[in-house]
N, C-alpha and C. Protein backbone atom coordinates (compact mmCIF):
# COMPACT_ATOMS: atom_id res chain seq x y z
N MET A 1 100.23 122.44 70.10
CA MET A 1 99.76 122.09 71.43
C MET A 1 99.92 123.29 72.35
N LEU A 2 98.93 123.48 73.19
CA LEU A 2 98.91 124.58 74.14
C LEU A 2 98.58 124.01 75.52
N ILE A 3 99.30 124.46 76.53
CA ILE A 3 98.97 124.09 77.91
C ILE A 3 98.52 125.36 78.60
N GLU A 4 97.29 125.35 79.11
CA GLU A 4 96.72 126.55 79.71
C GLU A 4 95.96 126.21 80.97
N SER A 5 95.77 127.22 81.79
CA SER A 5 94.98 127.05 83.00
C SER A 5 93.51 127.18 82.64
N ARG A 6 92.74 126.18 83.06
CA ARG A 6 91.29 126.23 82.88
C ARG A 6 90.66 125.68 84.15
N PRO A 7 89.52 126.23 84.54
CA PRO A 7 88.84 125.70 85.74
C PRO A 7 88.18 124.36 85.45
N LEU A 8 87.97 123.59 86.49
CA LEU A 8 87.29 122.30 86.34
C LEU A 8 85.86 122.47 85.83
N ALA A 9 85.29 123.66 86.03
CA ALA A 9 83.93 123.92 85.58
C ALA A 9 83.84 124.10 84.06
N ASP A 10 84.98 124.31 83.38
CA ASP A 10 84.97 124.42 81.93
C ASP A 10 84.36 123.13 81.37
N PRO A 11 83.40 123.21 80.45
CA PRO A 11 82.72 122.00 79.96
C PRO A 11 83.66 120.95 79.36
N GLU A 12 84.68 121.38 78.65
CA GLU A 12 85.63 120.41 78.08
C GLU A 12 86.45 119.73 79.17
N VAL A 13 86.86 120.48 80.17
CA VAL A 13 87.62 119.91 81.28
C VAL A 13 86.72 118.99 82.10
N ALA A 14 85.49 119.39 82.33
CA ALA A 14 84.55 118.55 83.07
C ALA A 14 84.36 117.20 82.35
N ALA A 15 84.32 117.21 81.03
CA ALA A 15 84.19 115.96 80.28
C ALA A 15 85.44 115.10 80.45
N LEU A 16 86.62 115.73 80.50
CA LEU A 16 87.86 114.98 80.75
C LEU A 16 87.84 114.36 82.14
N VAL A 17 87.37 115.10 83.12
CA VAL A 17 87.30 114.60 84.49
C VAL A 17 86.43 113.35 84.55
N VAL A 18 85.27 113.41 83.94
CA VAL A 18 84.35 112.26 83.94
C VAL A 18 85.00 111.08 83.23
N ALA A 19 85.62 111.31 82.08
CA ALA A 19 86.27 110.23 81.34
C ALA A 19 87.39 109.59 82.17
N GLY A 20 88.18 110.42 82.83
CA GLY A 20 89.26 109.91 83.66
C GLY A 20 88.75 109.10 84.84
N GLN A 21 87.70 109.58 85.49
CA GLN A 21 87.15 108.86 86.62
C GLN A 21 86.55 107.52 86.19
N ARG A 22 85.90 107.50 85.04
CA ARG A 22 85.35 106.23 84.52
C ARG A 22 86.46 105.23 84.24
N GLU A 23 87.54 105.71 83.62
CA GLU A 23 88.64 104.81 83.27
C GLU A 23 89.31 104.22 84.50
N LEU A 24 89.35 104.99 85.57
CA LEU A 24 90.03 104.54 86.78
C LEU A 24 89.11 103.83 87.76
N GLY A 25 88.03 103.29 87.27
CA GLY A 25 87.22 102.45 88.15
C GLY A 25 85.77 102.84 88.28
N GLY A 26 85.29 103.68 87.42
CA GLY A 26 83.87 103.98 87.42
C GLY A 26 83.42 104.97 88.47
N ILE A 27 84.36 105.61 89.16
CA ILE A 27 83.98 106.59 90.18
C ILE A 27 83.71 107.91 89.48
N THR A 28 82.47 108.38 89.54
CA THR A 28 82.13 109.66 88.93
C THR A 28 81.44 110.54 89.96
N GLY A 29 81.44 111.82 89.70
CA GLY A 29 80.75 112.75 90.56
C GLY A 29 81.51 113.16 91.81
N ARG A 30 82.74 112.68 91.99
CA ARG A 30 83.51 113.08 93.17
C ARG A 30 84.00 114.50 93.01
N ASP A 31 83.96 115.25 94.09
CA ASP A 31 84.45 116.62 94.08
C ASP A 31 85.97 116.58 94.22
N ILE A 32 86.69 116.95 93.16
CA ILE A 32 88.13 116.82 93.19
C ILE A 32 88.87 118.15 93.31
N GLY A 33 88.18 119.25 93.30
CA GLY A 33 88.89 120.51 93.22
C GLY A 33 88.82 121.40 94.43
N THR A 34 88.56 120.86 95.61
CA THR A 34 88.34 121.74 96.76
C THR A 34 89.38 121.64 97.86
N HIS A 35 90.33 120.72 97.81
CA HIS A 35 91.28 120.59 98.91
C HIS A 35 92.69 120.92 98.44
N GLY A 36 93.46 121.55 99.30
CA GLY A 36 94.87 121.80 99.02
C GLY A 36 95.14 122.86 97.98
N ASP A 37 94.20 123.79 97.73
CA ASP A 37 94.44 124.89 96.80
C ASP A 37 94.97 124.40 95.44
N PRO A 38 94.23 123.54 94.75
CA PRO A 38 94.76 123.00 93.50
C PRO A 38 94.77 124.01 92.36
N CYS A 39 95.73 123.86 91.48
CA CYS A 39 95.80 124.60 90.22
C CYS A 39 95.73 123.56 89.11
N TRP A 40 94.88 123.78 88.14
CA TRP A 40 94.66 122.80 87.08
C TRP A 40 95.18 123.34 85.75
N LEU A 41 95.82 122.47 84.98
CA LEU A 41 96.28 122.80 83.65
C LEU A 41 95.60 121.86 82.66
N THR A 42 95.33 122.40 81.48
CA THR A 42 94.67 121.64 80.42
C THR A 42 95.52 121.70 79.17
N VAL A 43 95.67 120.56 78.50
CA VAL A 43 96.39 120.50 77.24
C VAL A 43 95.35 120.60 76.12
N VAL A 44 95.59 121.53 75.19
CA VAL A 44 94.68 121.76 74.08
C VAL A 44 95.43 121.46 72.78
N VAL A 45 94.85 120.61 71.95
CA VAL A 45 95.41 120.27 70.65
C VAL A 45 94.36 120.57 69.59
N SER A 46 94.71 121.40 68.64
CA SER A 46 93.78 121.78 67.56
C SER A 46 92.44 122.27 68.12
N GLY A 47 92.51 123.05 69.20
CA GLY A 47 91.32 123.64 69.78
C GLY A 47 90.52 122.72 70.69
N ARG A 48 90.97 121.49 70.90
CA ARG A 48 90.24 120.54 71.73
C ARG A 48 91.03 120.21 72.99
N ALA A 49 90.36 120.24 74.13
CA ALA A 49 91.00 119.84 75.39
C ALA A 49 91.17 118.32 75.37
N VAL A 50 92.44 117.87 75.50
CA VAL A 50 92.72 116.44 75.38
C VAL A 50 93.36 115.85 76.64
N ALA A 51 93.78 116.68 77.57
CA ALA A 51 94.42 116.20 78.79
C ALA A 51 94.30 117.26 79.88
N TYR A 52 94.37 116.80 81.12
CA TYR A 52 94.39 117.74 82.23
C TYR A 52 95.12 117.12 83.41
N GLY A 53 95.52 117.97 84.32
CA GLY A 53 96.16 117.53 85.55
C GLY A 53 96.28 118.71 86.48
N GLY A 54 96.56 118.42 87.72
CA GLY A 54 96.65 119.48 88.71
C GLY A 54 97.83 119.32 89.64
N ILE A 55 98.11 120.40 90.33
CA ILE A 55 99.12 120.40 91.40
C ILE A 55 98.45 121.06 92.59
N ARG A 56 98.59 120.43 93.76
CA ARG A 56 98.01 121.03 94.96
C ARG A 56 99.06 121.10 96.05
N VAL A 57 98.81 121.93 97.01
CA VAL A 57 99.71 122.13 98.14
C VAL A 57 99.57 120.96 99.10
N ARG A 58 100.69 120.32 99.43
CA ARG A 58 100.73 119.30 100.49
C ARG A 58 101.18 119.96 101.79
N ASP A 59 102.26 120.74 101.69
CA ASP A 59 102.76 121.53 102.81
C ASP A 59 103.59 122.67 102.20
N ASP A 60 104.30 123.42 103.03
CA ASP A 60 105.04 124.58 102.52
C ASP A 60 106.04 124.24 101.43
N ASP A 61 106.65 123.07 101.51
CA ASP A 61 107.68 122.69 100.56
C ASP A 61 107.21 121.73 99.48
N THR A 62 106.04 121.13 99.64
CA THR A 62 105.66 120.01 98.80
C THR A 62 104.37 120.26 98.04
N GLY A 63 104.42 119.98 96.74
CA GLY A 63 103.23 119.96 95.91
C GLY A 63 102.93 118.52 95.53
N GLU A 64 101.69 118.24 95.20
CA GLU A 64 101.31 116.88 94.82
C GLU A 64 100.58 116.91 93.48
N LEU A 65 101.05 116.09 92.54
CA LEU A 65 100.37 115.96 91.26
C LEU A 65 99.03 115.28 91.48
N GLU A 66 98.02 115.75 90.75
CA GLU A 66 96.67 115.23 90.91
C GLU A 66 96.06 114.91 89.56
N ARG A 67 95.41 113.79 89.45
CA ARG A 67 94.46 113.46 88.38
C ARG A 67 94.95 113.66 86.96
N LEU A 68 96.17 113.27 86.65
CA LEU A 68 96.62 113.37 85.27
C LEU A 68 95.82 112.42 84.40
N PHE A 69 95.30 112.96 83.31
CA PHE A 69 94.52 112.15 82.38
C PHE A 69 94.72 112.67 80.97
N VAL A 70 94.97 111.75 80.04
CA VAL A 70 95.09 112.06 78.62
C VAL A 70 94.08 111.19 77.89
N ARG A 71 93.29 111.79 77.01
CA ARG A 71 92.33 111.01 76.22
C ARG A 71 93.08 109.88 75.51
N PRO A 72 92.50 108.69 75.48
CA PRO A 72 93.18 107.55 74.86
C PRO A 72 93.69 107.80 73.44
N ALA A 73 92.94 108.50 72.63
CA ALA A 73 93.35 108.76 71.24
C ALA A 73 94.58 109.65 71.15
N TYR A 74 94.95 110.32 72.24
CA TYR A 74 96.09 111.25 72.23
C TYR A 74 97.28 110.73 73.03
N ARG A 75 97.22 109.49 73.46
CA ARG A 75 98.33 108.93 74.23
C ARG A 75 99.48 108.53 73.31
N ARG A 76 100.65 108.35 73.92
CA ARG A 76 101.87 107.95 73.23
C ARG A 76 102.37 109.03 72.27
N ARG A 77 102.11 110.29 72.62
CA ARG A 77 102.57 111.44 71.84
C ARG A 77 103.44 112.37 72.67
N GLY A 78 103.69 112.01 73.93
CA GLY A 78 104.49 112.86 74.81
C GLY A 78 103.70 113.93 75.53
N ILE A 79 102.39 113.90 75.40
CA ILE A 79 101.55 114.92 76.02
C ILE A 79 101.63 114.85 77.55
N ALA A 80 101.55 113.65 78.09
CA ALA A 80 101.59 113.51 79.55
C ALA A 80 102.91 114.01 80.11
N ARG A 81 104.00 113.71 79.44
CA ARG A 81 105.31 114.15 79.91
C ARG A 81 105.41 115.68 79.90
N GLN A 82 104.88 116.30 78.86
CA GLN A 82 104.89 117.77 78.81
C GLN A 82 103.98 118.37 79.87
N LEU A 83 102.86 117.72 80.14
CA LEU A 83 101.96 118.19 81.19
C LEU A 83 102.63 118.08 82.55
N VAL A 84 103.30 116.98 82.82
CA VAL A 84 104.02 116.82 84.08
C VAL A 84 105.07 117.94 84.22
N ALA A 85 105.82 118.21 83.16
CA ALA A 85 106.84 119.28 83.20
C ALA A 85 106.20 120.63 83.48
N ALA A 86 105.05 120.91 82.89
CA ALA A 86 104.37 122.19 83.13
C ALA A 86 103.87 122.27 84.58
N LEU A 87 103.37 121.16 85.11
CA LEU A 87 102.93 121.15 86.50
C LEU A 87 104.09 121.30 87.47
N GLU A 88 105.23 120.69 87.13
CA GLU A 88 106.43 120.87 87.96
C GLU A 88 106.88 122.33 87.95
N GLU A 89 106.82 122.98 86.80
CA GLU A 89 107.18 124.41 86.72
C GLU A 89 106.23 125.24 87.57
N LEU A 90 104.95 124.91 87.53
CA LEU A 90 103.97 125.61 88.36
C LEU A 90 104.28 125.40 89.84
N ALA A 91 104.64 124.17 90.22
CA ALA A 91 105.00 123.89 91.61
C ALA A 91 106.22 124.71 92.02
N TYR A 92 107.21 124.77 91.13
CA TYR A 92 108.43 125.55 91.40
C TYR A 92 108.08 127.03 91.60
N GLN A 93 107.23 127.57 90.72
CA GLN A 93 106.82 128.97 90.83
C GLN A 93 106.05 129.24 92.12
N ARG A 94 105.38 128.23 92.64
CA ARG A 94 104.63 128.37 93.89
C ARG A 94 105.52 128.17 95.10
N GLY A 95 106.81 127.92 94.89
CA GLY A 95 107.76 127.81 95.99
C GLY A 95 107.99 126.40 96.52
N HIS A 96 107.49 125.40 95.82
CA HIS A 96 107.70 124.02 96.26
C HIS A 96 109.08 123.53 95.84
N SER A 97 109.71 122.75 96.70
CA SER A 97 111.00 122.15 96.37
C SER A 97 110.86 120.65 96.10
N VAL A 98 109.69 120.11 96.40
CA VAL A 98 109.43 118.68 96.23
C VAL A 98 108.06 118.51 95.58
N VAL A 99 107.97 117.53 94.68
CA VAL A 99 106.68 117.16 94.10
C VAL A 99 106.48 115.67 94.36
N ARG A 100 105.29 115.33 94.83
CA ARG A 100 104.93 113.93 95.10
C ARG A 100 103.79 113.54 94.18
N VAL A 101 103.64 112.24 94.00
CA VAL A 101 102.53 111.72 93.20
C VAL A 101 102.24 110.29 93.64
N GLU A 102 101.00 109.90 93.56
CA GLU A 102 100.58 108.54 93.84
C GLU A 102 100.15 107.92 92.52
N ALA A 103 100.46 106.65 92.33
CA ALA A 103 100.03 105.93 91.13
C ALA A 103 99.75 104.49 91.51
N GLY A 104 98.74 103.95 90.91
CA GLY A 104 98.43 102.55 91.16
C GLY A 104 99.38 101.66 90.37
N PRO A 105 99.97 100.66 91.02
CA PRO A 105 100.87 99.76 90.31
C PRO A 105 100.15 98.98 89.21
N HIS A 106 98.82 98.97 89.26
CA HIS A 106 98.04 98.34 88.19
C HIS A 106 97.95 99.24 86.96
N LEU A 107 98.62 100.41 87.03
CA LEU A 107 98.69 101.34 85.90
C LEU A 107 100.15 101.48 85.47
N PRO A 108 100.69 100.46 84.81
CA PRO A 108 102.11 100.48 84.48
C PRO A 108 102.54 101.66 83.62
N ALA A 109 101.67 102.17 82.78
CA ALA A 109 102.05 103.33 81.96
C ALA A 109 102.27 104.56 82.84
N ALA A 110 101.45 104.73 83.87
CA ALA A 110 101.62 105.86 84.78
C ALA A 110 102.91 105.72 85.57
N VAL A 111 103.17 104.52 86.07
CA VAL A 111 104.41 104.28 86.81
C VAL A 111 105.61 104.55 85.92
N ALA A 112 105.56 104.07 84.68
CA ALA A 112 106.67 104.30 83.73
C ALA A 112 106.84 105.79 83.43
N LEU A 113 105.74 106.51 83.29
CA LEU A 113 105.80 107.95 83.04
C LEU A 113 106.53 108.66 84.18
N PHE A 114 106.13 108.39 85.40
CA PHE A 114 106.75 109.09 86.53
C PHE A 114 108.22 108.72 86.68
N ARG A 115 108.54 107.46 86.48
CA ARG A 115 109.96 107.05 86.53
C ARG A 115 110.75 107.76 85.44
N ALA A 116 110.20 107.84 84.22
CA ALA A 116 110.89 108.51 83.11
C ALA A 116 111.06 110.01 83.35
N CYS A 117 110.16 110.58 84.15
CA CYS A 117 110.24 112.02 84.47
C CYS A 117 111.12 112.30 85.68
N GLY A 118 111.79 111.26 86.21
CA GLY A 118 112.74 111.47 87.30
C GLY A 118 112.19 111.27 88.69
N TYR A 119 111.01 110.70 88.82
CA TYR A 119 110.43 110.45 90.14
C TYR A 119 110.98 109.15 90.69
N GLU A 120 111.22 109.15 92.00
CA GLU A 120 111.76 107.99 92.70
C GLU A 120 110.70 107.44 93.65
N PRO A 121 110.64 106.13 93.80
CA PRO A 121 109.70 105.56 94.78
C PRO A 121 110.01 106.08 96.18
N THR A 122 108.97 106.24 96.97
CA THR A 122 109.11 106.72 98.34
C THR A 122 108.04 106.05 99.20
N THR A 123 108.09 106.31 100.48
CA THR A 123 107.06 105.80 101.37
C THR A 123 105.77 106.56 101.12
N GLY A 124 104.72 106.14 101.78
CA GLY A 124 103.40 106.70 101.57
C GLY A 124 103.36 108.22 101.65
N VAL A 125 102.42 108.79 100.94
CA VAL A 125 102.21 110.23 100.89
C VAL A 125 101.13 110.60 101.89
N GLY A 126 101.43 111.50 102.79
CA GLY A 126 100.43 112.01 103.71
C GLY A 126 99.76 110.95 104.56
N GLY A 127 100.55 109.98 104.99
CA GLY A 127 100.00 108.95 105.85
C GLY A 127 99.47 107.73 105.11
N LEU A 128 99.40 107.82 103.79
CA LEU A 128 98.94 106.66 103.02
C LEU A 128 100.09 105.70 102.85
N ALA A 129 99.84 104.44 103.05
CA ALA A 129 100.90 103.45 102.95
C ALA A 129 100.96 102.86 101.56
N ASP A 130 102.17 102.55 101.11
CA ASP A 130 102.31 101.81 99.87
C ASP A 130 101.66 100.45 100.05
N GLY A 131 101.24 99.87 98.98
CA GLY A 131 100.62 98.56 99.05
C GLY A 131 100.28 98.09 97.66
N PRO A 132 99.43 97.10 97.56
CA PRO A 132 99.11 96.55 96.25
C PRO A 132 98.33 97.51 95.36
N TYR A 133 97.74 98.57 95.94
CA TYR A 133 96.91 99.48 95.15
C TYR A 133 97.46 100.89 95.07
N LEU A 134 98.63 101.14 95.64
CA LEU A 134 99.17 102.49 95.65
C LEU A 134 100.70 102.46 95.69
N THR A 135 101.31 103.18 94.78
CA THR A 135 102.75 103.39 94.80
C THR A 135 102.98 104.89 94.85
N CYS A 136 103.89 105.33 95.69
CA CYS A 136 104.17 106.75 95.86
C CYS A 136 105.54 107.09 95.30
N PHE A 137 105.63 108.28 94.69
CA PHE A 137 106.87 108.75 94.08
C PHE A 137 107.13 110.18 94.53
N VAL A 138 108.41 110.56 94.49
CA VAL A 138 108.81 111.91 94.86
C VAL A 138 109.90 112.39 93.91
N LYS A 139 109.92 113.70 93.68
CA LYS A 139 110.97 114.32 92.87
C LYS A 139 111.33 115.64 93.51
N ARG A 140 112.64 115.84 93.69
CA ARG A 140 113.13 117.13 94.20
C ARG A 140 113.32 118.06 93.02
N LEU A 141 112.85 119.27 93.16
CA LEU A 141 113.00 120.27 92.10
C LEU A 141 114.32 120.99 92.28
N PRO A 142 114.88 121.53 91.21
CA PRO A 142 116.17 122.22 91.33
C PRO A 142 116.08 123.42 92.26
N VAL A 143 117.12 123.65 93.00
CA VAL A 143 117.21 124.79 93.90
C VAL A 143 117.61 126.01 93.06
N PRO A 144 116.91 127.15 93.22
CA PRO A 144 117.28 128.33 92.44
C PRO A 144 118.71 128.78 92.74
N ALA A 145 119.37 129.25 91.71
CA ALA A 145 120.77 129.70 91.87
C ALA A 145 120.86 131.02 92.56
């Protein structure tokens, strides 16, 4: 398994984006890569892109995880957890001390992933309120010695 930076315009990543948007409610064609200076990582297994996710700037101290998606055939292998760890490292390298993420409570696997990765529930992210369709989580990154 390899985790590498690839642009959203990469054909394999673009296919992942479409698959992820379809799975999360049929929303396709949305421009997801233009706000908050996002950096995208792609997981490659046996030469095939199987997962992607991003980290974007929320403010000087905070990064936000974006659009984590793993192809269904590659789930339950620890890929998402490794992708989250790689995105947290990227956030740390960019100077963030906090990482936030939003997840729908109707996605129990996502909520379980973030809890297992050390994220704690918090109030809404960037003015968004928690509710029946959105749960917000936060994780403080280690302070450099």
